Amino acid sequence: LAIDTPVKRRIVPDKSTNSLYYSWTALVPTLVNPLLRYFGRMQGKTLENIHPVISACGTPSCSPKRTTLVCLFF
């Protein structure tokens, strides 16, 4: 019988993980009041129609780029 070697796992966060965590914990509270103000202004109002393609490119020669956006809900 072959014995599987255990997978080495990190049990404490490394420096980059801590840095990312502290960046988010600093950023998220700054988003709360603007979001609440937005909700207060928009409550009971219809959303404006937006163009299906949102682009800052003013010329057809721009190369398209794709970005993934992750939304956090707490």
N, C-alpha and C. Protein backbone atom coordinates (compact mmCIF):
# COMPACT_ATOMS: atom_id res chain seq x y z
N LEU A 1 0.83 -1.19 0.00
CA LEU A 1 0.00 0.00 0.00
C LEU A 1 0.87 1.25 0.00
N ALA A 2 0.49 2.21 -0.81
CA ALA A 2 1.21 3.48 -0.84
C ALA A 2 0.56 4.44 0.14
N ILE A 3 1.39 5.09 0.89
CA ILE A 3 0.87 6.07 1.85
C ILE A 3 0.94 7.45 1.20
N ASP A 4 -0.20 8.13 1.20
CA ASP A 4 -0.22 9.47 0.62
C ASP A 4 0.58 10.42 1.49
N THR A 5 1.39 11.22 0.84
CA THR A 5 2.13 12.23 1.61
C THR A 5 1.18 13.38 1.91
N PRO A 6 1.22 13.89 3.11
CA PRO A 6 0.29 14.96 3.47
C PRO A 6 0.56 16.22 2.66
N VAL A 7 -0.51 16.92 2.35
CA VAL A 7 -0.41 18.16 1.61
C VAL A 7 0.00 19.25 2.59
N LYS A 8 1.04 19.99 2.24
CA LYS A 8 1.49 21.07 3.11
C LYS A 8 0.48 22.22 3.01
N ARG A 9 -0.07 22.60 4.14
CA ARG A 9 -1.07 23.65 4.19
C ARG A 9 -0.60 24.78 5.08
N ARG A 10 -0.95 25.97 4.67
CA ARG A 10 -0.63 27.14 5.47
C ARG A 10 -1.71 27.28 6.53
N ILE A 11 -1.32 27.41 7.78
CA ILE A 11 -2.32 27.52 8.84
C ILE A 11 -2.47 28.94 9.36
N VAL A 12 -1.57 29.81 8.96
CA VAL A 12 -1.70 31.24 9.31
C VAL A 12 -1.53 32.04 8.03
N PRO A 13 -2.16 33.22 7.95
CA PRO A 13 -2.05 34.03 6.74
C PRO A 13 -0.62 34.53 6.51
N ASP A 14 -0.25 34.64 5.24
CA ASP A 14 1.06 35.20 4.93
C ASP A 14 0.95 36.72 4.80
N LYS A 15 2.06 37.38 4.52
CA LYS A 15 2.10 38.84 4.48
C LYS A 15 1.16 39.42 3.42
N SER A 16 1.12 38.82 2.22
CA SER A 16 0.27 39.37 1.16
C SER A 16 -1.22 39.19 1.50
N THR A 17 -1.56 38.09 2.17
CA THR A 17 -2.95 37.87 2.58
C THR A 17 -3.37 38.90 3.62
N ASN A 18 -2.50 39.14 4.59
CA ASN A 18 -2.79 40.16 5.60
C ASN A 18 -2.93 41.54 4.97
N SER A 19 -2.07 41.85 4.03
CA SER A 19 -2.12 43.15 3.37
C SER A 19 -3.44 43.33 2.63
N LEU A 20 -3.86 42.30 1.91
CA LEU A 20 -5.13 42.35 1.18
C LEU A 20 -6.30 42.50 2.15
N TYR A 21 -6.27 41.75 3.23
CA TYR A 21 -7.34 41.82 4.23
C TYR A 21 -7.44 43.24 4.81
N TYR A 22 -6.31 43.81 5.20
CA TYR A 22 -6.33 45.15 5.80
C TYR A 22 -6.73 46.22 4.79
N SER A 23 -6.38 46.02 3.53
CA SER A 23 -6.82 46.96 2.49
C SER A 23 -8.34 46.95 2.37
N TRP A 24 -8.93 45.74 2.36
CA TRP A 24 -10.39 45.64 2.27
C TRP A 24 -11.07 46.19 3.51
N THR A 25 -10.51 45.90 4.70
CA THR A 25 -11.14 46.39 5.92
C THR A 25 -11.06 47.91 6.01
N ALA A 26 -10.09 48.52 5.35
CA ALA A 26 -10.01 49.98 5.30
C ALA A 26 -10.98 50.54 4.25
N LEU A 27 -11.14 49.84 3.14
CA LEU A 27 -11.96 50.35 2.04
C LEU A 27 -13.46 50.20 2.29
N VAL A 28 -13.90 49.05 2.73
CA VAL A 28 -15.33 48.76 2.84
C VAL A 28 -16.09 49.81 3.68
N PRO A 29 -15.60 50.22 4.84
CA PRO A 29 -16.35 51.23 5.60
C PRO A 29 -16.52 52.56 4.86
N THR A 30 -15.59 52.88 3.97
CA THR A 30 -15.72 54.14 3.22
C THR A 30 -16.80 54.06 2.15
N LEU A 31 -17.27 52.86 1.84
CA LEU A 31 -18.30 52.68 0.82
C LEU A 31 -19.72 52.73 1.39
N VAL A 32 -19.84 52.56 2.69
CA VAL A 32 -21.17 52.44 3.30
C VAL A 32 -21.98 53.72 3.17
N ASN A 33 -21.46 54.86 3.62
CA ASN A 33 -22.22 56.12 3.55
C ASN A 33 -22.58 56.52 2.12
N PRO A 34 -21.65 56.46 1.16
CA PRO A 34 -22.06 56.77 -0.22
C PRO A 34 -23.16 55.84 -0.73
N LEU A 35 -23.09 54.57 -0.38
CA LEU A 35 -24.12 53.63 -0.82
C LEU A 35 -25.47 53.96 -0.17
N LEU A 36 -25.47 54.29 1.11
CA LEU A 36 -26.72 54.66 1.78
C LEU A 36 -27.31 55.95 1.20
N ARG A 37 -26.45 56.92 0.87
CA ARG A 37 -26.94 58.15 0.24
C ARG A 37 -27.55 57.85 -1.13
N TYR A 38 -26.90 56.98 -1.89
CA TYR A 38 -27.42 56.58 -3.20
C TYR A 38 -28.79 55.92 -3.05
N PHE A 39 -28.90 54.98 -2.11
CA PHE A 39 -30.18 54.31 -1.89
C PHE A 39 -31.25 55.32 -1.50
N GLY A 40 -30.90 56.29 -0.66
CA GLY A 40 -31.86 57.31 -0.25
C GLY A 40 -32.33 58.16 -1.41
N ARG A 41 -31.43 58.50 -2.31
CA ARG A 41 -31.81 59.31 -3.49
C ARG A 41 -32.63 58.51 -4.48
N MET A 42 -32.36 57.22 -4.60
CA MET A 42 -32.97 56.42 -5.67
C MET A 42 -34.22 55.67 -5.23
N GLN A 43 -34.52 55.64 -3.96
CA GLN A 43 -35.67 54.86 -3.49
C GLN A 43 -36.95 55.38 -4.13
N GLY A 44 -37.69 54.49 -4.75
CA GLY A 44 -38.95 54.84 -5.37
C GLY A 44 -38.81 55.44 -6.76
N LYS A 45 -37.59 55.55 -7.26
CA LYS A 45 -37.38 56.11 -8.60
C LYS A 45 -36.95 55.00 -9.55
N THR A 46 -37.31 55.17 -10.81
CA THR A 46 -36.88 54.19 -11.80
C THR A 46 -35.42 54.45 -12.17
N LEU A 47 -34.73 53.40 -12.55
CA LEU A 47 -33.35 53.55 -12.97
C LEU A 47 -33.31 54.09 -14.39
N GLU A 48 -32.31 54.89 -14.66
CA GLU A 48 -32.18 55.44 -16.01
C GLU A 48 -31.76 54.33 -16.97
N ASN A 49 -32.15 54.47 -18.21
CA ASN A 49 -31.73 53.51 -19.24
C ASN A 49 -30.28 53.79 -19.59
N ILE A 50 -29.49 52.74 -19.61
CA ILE A 50 -28.09 52.91 -19.97
C ILE A 50 -27.82 52.15 -21.26
N HIS A 51 -26.78 52.57 -21.94
CA HIS A 51 -26.37 51.89 -23.16
C HIS A 51 -25.87 50.50 -22.79
N PRO A 52 -26.15 49.48 -23.58
CA PRO A 52 -25.73 48.13 -23.22
C PRO A 52 -24.21 47.95 -23.17
N VAL A 53 -23.47 48.81 -23.86
CA VAL A 53 -22.01 48.73 -23.84
C VAL A 53 -21.48 49.98 -23.15
N ILE A 54 -20.79 49.77 -22.07
CA ILE A 54 -20.19 50.89 -21.34
C ILE A 54 -18.73 50.95 -21.75
N SER A 55 -18.33 52.06 -22.34
CA SER A 55 -16.97 52.17 -22.85
C SER A 55 -16.47 53.60 -22.72
N ALA A 56 -15.21 53.73 -22.39
CA ALA A 56 -14.58 55.04 -22.35
C ALA A 56 -13.82 55.30 -23.65
N CYS A 57 -13.92 54.39 -24.57
CA CYS A 57 -13.20 54.51 -25.83
C CYS A 57 -13.99 55.40 -26.78
N GLY A 58 -13.33 56.39 -27.34
CA GLY A 58 -14.00 57.31 -28.25
C GLY A 58 -13.77 57.00 -29.71
N THR A 59 -12.90 56.04 -30.00
CA THR A 59 -12.59 55.72 -31.39
C THR A 59 -12.78 54.23 -31.64
N PRO A 60 -13.13 53.85 -32.87
CA PRO A 60 -13.33 52.42 -33.18
C PRO A 60 -12.03 51.61 -33.15
N SER A 61 -10.86 52.28 -33.09
CA SER A 61 -9.60 51.55 -33.14
C SER A 61 -9.16 51.01 -31.77
N CYS A 62 -9.93 51.28 -30.73
CA CYS A 62 -9.58 50.78 -29.39
C CYS A 62 -9.70 49.26 -29.36
N SER A 63 -8.76 48.64 -28.66
CA SER A 63 -8.86 47.19 -28.51
C SER A 63 -9.73 46.88 -27.29
N PRO A 64 -10.68 45.95 -27.44
CA PRO A 64 -11.57 45.63 -26.32
C PRO A 64 -10.82 44.92 -25.20
N LYS A 65 -11.23 45.18 -23.97
CA LYS A 65 -10.67 44.52 -22.80
C LYS A 65 -11.82 44.00 -21.97
N ARG A 66 -11.56 42.97 -21.20
CA ARG A 66 -12.58 42.38 -20.36
C ARG A 66 -12.08 42.41 -18.92
N THR A 67 -12.98 42.77 -18.00
CA THR A 67 -12.64 42.82 -16.58
C THR A 67 -13.69 42.05 -15.80
N THR A 68 -13.23 41.30 -14.83
CA THR A 68 -14.15 40.57 -13.95
C THR A 68 -14.35 41.40 -12.69
N LEU A 69 -15.59 41.56 -12.30
CA LEU A 69 -15.93 42.33 -11.10
C LEU A 69 -16.54 41.39 -10.08
N VAL A 70 -15.97 41.39 -8.89
CA VAL A 70 -16.50 40.56 -7.81
C VAL A 70 -17.22 41.48 -6.84
N CYS A 71 -18.48 41.18 -6.56
CA CYS A 71 -19.28 41.97 -5.62
C CYS A 71 -19.34 41.25 -4.28
N LEU A 72 -19.13 42.01 -3.24
CA LEU A 72 -19.17 41.43 -1.89
C LEU A 72 -20.47 41.83 -1.22
N PHE A 73 -21.16 40.88 -0.66
CA PHE A 73 -22.40 41.15 0.07
C PHE A 73 -22.19 40.70 1.50
N PHE A 74 -22.43 41.59 2.46
CA PHE A 74 -22.37 41.17 3.84
C PHE A 74 -23.68 41.42 4.49
